[in-house]
Amino acid sequence: MLATISLSSTVIDETINILRYAGLSVTITNVLQIKTPHLRHEIDELREENARLKQEFFLVKSIHSTTSTNTKVHKSDDTKLHRRLGTIFSYVTNDF
């Protein structure tokens, strides 16, 4: 929260109220509630897919780092892998 206050004595009551509210606003928390229960199943599926894609991303990343140090990877294979990693990474970074 951004609170704008004045040092003028003519608005001291308003300044005090703003500072009180700003102090209380720190304790305000928002809780996400889904008001469309028919989408809950789809959201749960997307969360599961996101978790699966994260695991796949780290697995592919670890395999890629192992193979690139042990053997030479063809440039075309490397390009395909980077495209797949880019796709997976975009899913991972667009987490809900």
Protein backbone atom coordinates (compact mmCIF):
# COMPACT_ATOMS: atom_id res chain seq x y z
CA MET A 1 0.00 0.00 0.00
CA LEU A 2 1.14 3.50 -0.75
CA ALA A 3 0.02 6.10 1.79
CA THR A 4 0.29 9.79 1.00
CA ILE A 5 0.38 11.98 4.07
CA SER A 6 0.77 15.66 4.77
CA LEU A 7 2.79 17.40 7.44
CA SER A 8 0.28 20.23 7.56
CA SER A 9 -1.50 20.68 10.88
CA THR A 10 -4.78 21.45 9.09
CA VAL A 11 -5.19 17.82 7.96
CA ILE A 12 -3.63 16.06 10.93
CA ASP A 13 -6.78 13.96 11.58
CA GLU A 14 -6.79 12.65 8.01
CA THR A 15 -3.07 11.91 8.17
CA ILE A 16 -3.51 9.93 11.39
CA ASN A 17 -6.39 7.92 9.86
CA ILE A 18 -4.33 7.17 6.76
CA LEU A 19 -1.42 5.95 8.88
CA ARG A 20 -3.74 3.74 10.98
CA TYR A 21 -5.29 2.21 7.89
CA ALA A 22 -1.86 1.68 6.33
CA GLY A 23 -0.78 -0.15 9.49
CA LEU A 24 -3.87 -2.36 9.38
CA SER A 25 -3.58 -3.02 5.65
CA VAL A 26 -0.42 -5.04 6.26
CA THR A 27 -2.54 -7.77 7.83
CA ILE A 28 -4.98 -7.98 4.88
CA THR A 29 -4.61 -11.20 2.90
CA ASN A 30 -6.49 -12.30 -0.16
CA VAL A 31 -7.57 -15.90 -0.55
CA LEU A 32 -8.30 -17.20 -4.02
CA GLN A 33 -11.72 -18.77 -4.29
CA ILE A 34 -12.94 -20.42 -7.44
CA LYS A 35 -16.50 -19.35 -8.05
CA THR A 36 -16.89 -21.67 -11.00
CA PRO A 37 -16.83 -25.21 -9.58
CA HIS A 38 -17.15 -26.73 -13.05
CA LEU A 39 -13.64 -25.42 -13.81
CA ARG A 40 -12.08 -26.88 -10.67
CA HIS A 41 -11.49 -30.24 -12.36
CA GLU A 42 -9.82 -28.55 -15.34
CA ILE A 43 -7.65 -26.43 -13.04
CA ASP A 44 -6.58 -29.53 -11.09
CA GLU A 45 -5.69 -31.27 -14.35
CA LEU A 46 -3.63 -28.27 -15.45
CA ARG A 47 -1.79 -28.21 -12.13
CA GLU A 48 -1.00 -31.92 -12.47
CA GLU A 49 0.20 -31.37 -16.04
CA ASN A 50 2.35 -28.48 -14.85
CA ALA A 51 3.96 -30.67 -12.18
CA ARG A 52 4.56 -33.42 -14.75
CA LEU A 53 6.12 -30.94 -17.18
CA LYS A 54 8.41 -29.60 -14.45
CA GLN A 55 9.63 -33.14 -13.74
CA GLU A 56 10.09 -33.80 -17.47
CA PHE A 57 11.99 -30.53 -17.86
CA PHE A 58 14.47 -31.35 -15.11
CA LEU A 59 14.85 -34.92 -16.38
CA VAL A 60 15.55 -33.78 -19.94
CA LYS A 61 17.88 -31.09 -18.66
CA SER A 62 19.87 -33.60 -16.61
CA ILE A 63 20.02 -36.08 -19.50
CA HIS A 64 21.11 -33.32 -21.88
CA SER A 65 23.90 -32.16 -19.60
CA THR A 66 25.09 -35.77 -19.19
CA THR A 67 25.04 -36.59 -22.92
CA SER A 68 26.64 -33.33 -23.98
CA THR A 69 29.64 -33.98 -21.70
CA ASN A 70 29.99 -37.69 -22.57
CA THR A 71 29.25 -37.85 -26.31
CA LYS A 72 28.89 -35.55 -29.25
CA VAL A 73 25.29 -34.68 -30.04
CA HIS A 74 24.29 -34.03 -33.63
CA LYS A 75 23.34 -30.42 -34.29
CA SER A 76 19.84 -31.37 -35.48
CA ASP A 77 19.22 -33.44 -32.33
CA ASP A 78 20.50 -30.57 -30.22
CA THR A 79 18.15 -28.10 -31.97
CA LYS A 80 15.15 -30.38 -31.47
CA LEU A 81 16.04 -30.79 -27.82
CA HIS A 82 16.36 -27.04 -27.34
CA ARG A 83 12.95 -26.50 -28.97
CA ARG A 84 11.39 -29.10 -26.66
CA LEU A 85 13.11 -27.56 -23.63
CA GLY A 86 11.84 -24.14 -24.68
CA THR A 87 8.29 -25.46 -24.90
CA ILE A 88 8.55 -27.17 -21.53
CA PHE A 89 10.17 -24.10 -19.99
CA SER A 90 7.34 -21.87 -21.22
CA TYR A 91 4.85 -24.17 -19.48
CA VAL A 92 6.89 -24.19 -16.29
CA THR A 93 7.31 -20.43 -16.14
CA ASN A 94 3.60 -19.79 -16.76
CA ASP A 95 2.69 -21.40 -13.48
CA PHE A 96 -0.65 -20.37 -11.93
